[in-house]
Amino acid sequence: MERTTYRMPTHPGDVVKEELEERGISQKEFASRTGISYTMLNEILNSKRPITSEIALVIEAALGINPELLINMQSRYNMVQARMKPAIESNLAHIRKVCASWLL
């Protein structure tokens, strides 16, 4: 089976980071005002940690960014990241082969 190449979607932290920069809000100030730990916020903004539903709601309250948009972006990011792992791709190919008759 041919291996598919996936383009990595934008991590939602990039959107939040850009918005903070555009508004001139420092990470430290945003973390302080919202109650998000600075370390967690920094990891989100640098694509090292996912945005959870709770964090998406906090961002909506603070910046007005639609939380569903952020969660959908995170979901797409997670899906492509998972598909890019060779072990998962190999396992999926095996499952498709042994379960092919069910798809007819």
Protein backbone atom coordinates (compact mmCIF):
# COMPACT_ATOMS: atom_id res chain seq x y z
CA MET A 1 0.00 0.00 0.00
CA GLU A 2 1.28 3.44 -0.91
CA ARG A 3 2.15 5.71 1.99
CA THR A 4 0.16 8.94 2.02
CA THR A 5 1.89 12.20 2.83
CA TYR A 6 -0.06 14.54 5.07
CA ARG A 7 0.46 18.27 5.43
CA MET A 8 0.67 19.19 9.08
CA PRO A 9 -2.29 21.43 9.93
CA THR A 10 -1.80 24.59 11.93
CA HIS A 11 -1.71 24.02 15.67
CA PRO A 12 -4.36 26.21 17.37
CA GLY A 13 -1.67 27.62 19.64
CA ASP A 14 -0.25 29.40 16.58
CA VAL A 15 -3.55 31.25 16.15
CA VAL A 16 -3.63 32.30 19.79
CA LYS A 17 0.04 33.30 19.72
CA GLU A 18 -0.54 35.47 16.64
CA GLU A 19 -3.59 37.07 18.26
CA LEU A 20 -1.67 37.90 21.43
CA GLU A 21 1.17 39.42 19.39
CA GLU A 22 -1.27 41.42 17.26
CA ARG A 23 -2.93 42.85 20.39
CA GLY A 24 0.38 43.50 22.14
CA ILE A 25 -0.44 41.15 25.03
CA SER A 26 2.51 39.35 26.60
CA GLN A 27 2.28 35.67 27.46
CA LYS A 28 3.02 36.53 31.07
CA GLU A 29 0.17 39.07 31.24
CA PHE A 30 -2.28 36.74 29.51
CA ALA A 31 -1.38 33.88 31.83
CA SER A 32 -1.75 36.09 34.87
CA ARG A 33 -5.15 37.51 33.88
CA THR A 34 -6.64 34.18 32.79
CA GLY A 35 -5.27 31.89 35.49
CA ILE A 36 -3.51 29.65 32.95
CA SER A 37 -0.04 28.76 34.16
CA TYR A 38 2.67 30.51 32.18
CA THR A 39 4.41 27.20 31.44
CA MET A 40 1.20 25.62 30.10
CA LEU A 41 0.41 28.68 27.98
CA ASN A 42 3.93 28.80 26.55
CA GLU A 43 3.78 25.11 25.65
CA ILE A 44 0.40 25.60 23.93
CA LEU A 45 1.66 28.62 21.99
CA ASN A 46 4.74 26.65 20.88
CA SER A 47 2.70 23.61 19.74
CA LYS A 48 4.06 21.39 22.52
CA ARG A 49 0.75 20.93 24.35
CA PRO A 50 -2.81 20.58 23.05
CA ILE A 51 -5.57 23.07 23.66
CA THR A 52 -8.23 21.44 25.84
CA SER A 53 -11.91 22.34 25.84
CA GLU A 54 -11.47 24.19 29.12
CA ILE A 55 -8.54 26.25 27.82
CA ALA A 56 -10.46 26.98 24.60
CA LEU A 57 -13.31 28.38 26.71
CA VAL A 58 -10.89 30.56 28.68
CA ILE A 59 -9.41 31.87 25.42
CA GLU A 60 -12.90 32.63 24.15
CA ALA A 61 -13.70 34.59 27.31
CA ALA A 62 -10.43 36.52 27.10
CA LEU A 63 -9.99 37.08 23.36
CA GLY A 64 -13.31 36.21 21.72
CA ILE A 65 -11.85 33.39 19.61
CA ASN A 66 -14.43 30.71 18.87
CA PRO A 67 -13.62 27.69 21.08
CA GLU A 68 -15.03 25.19 18.57
CA LEU A 69 -12.61 26.53 15.98
CA LEU A 70 -9.69 25.91 18.33
CA ILE A 71 -10.88 22.41 19.26
CA ASN A 72 -11.48 21.48 15.61
CA MET A 73 -8.00 22.71 14.72
CA GLN A 74 -6.56 20.66 17.58
CA SER A 75 -8.45 17.57 16.45
CA ARG A 76 -7.14 17.89 12.86
CA TYR A 77 -3.62 18.47 14.18
CA ASN A 78 -3.84 15.38 16.42
CA MET A 79 -5.22 13.21 13.60
CA VAL A 80 -2.46 14.06 11.16
CA GLN A 81 0.17 13.67 13.86
CA ALA A 82 -1.16 10.19 14.63
CA ARG A 83 -1.29 9.19 10.96
CA MET A 84 2.34 10.19 10.52
CA LYS A 85 3.55 7.63 13.07
CA PRO A 86 4.95 4.59 11.21
CA ALA A 87 3.74 2.09 13.83
CA ILE A 88 0.18 3.35 13.63
CA GLU A 89 0.23 3.45 9.82
CA SER A 90 1.54 -0.12 9.73
CA ASN A 91 -1.13 -1.31 12.18
CA LEU A 92 -3.87 0.41 10.16
CA ALA A 93 -2.65 -1.24 6.95
CA HIS A 94 -2.82 -4.63 8.68
CA ILE A 95 -6.34 -3.95 10.00
CA ARG A 96 -7.52 -2.84 6.53
CA LYS A 97 -6.18 -6.08 5.07
CA VAL A 98 -7.78 -8.44 7.60
CA CYS A 99 -11.07 -6.51 7.67
CA ALA A 100 -11.38 -5.80 3.93
CA SER A 101 -14.23 -8.29 3.46
CA TRP A 102 -16.40 -6.27 5.84
CA LEU A 103 -16.20 -3.25 3.56
CA LEU A 104 -17.79 -4.95 0.54
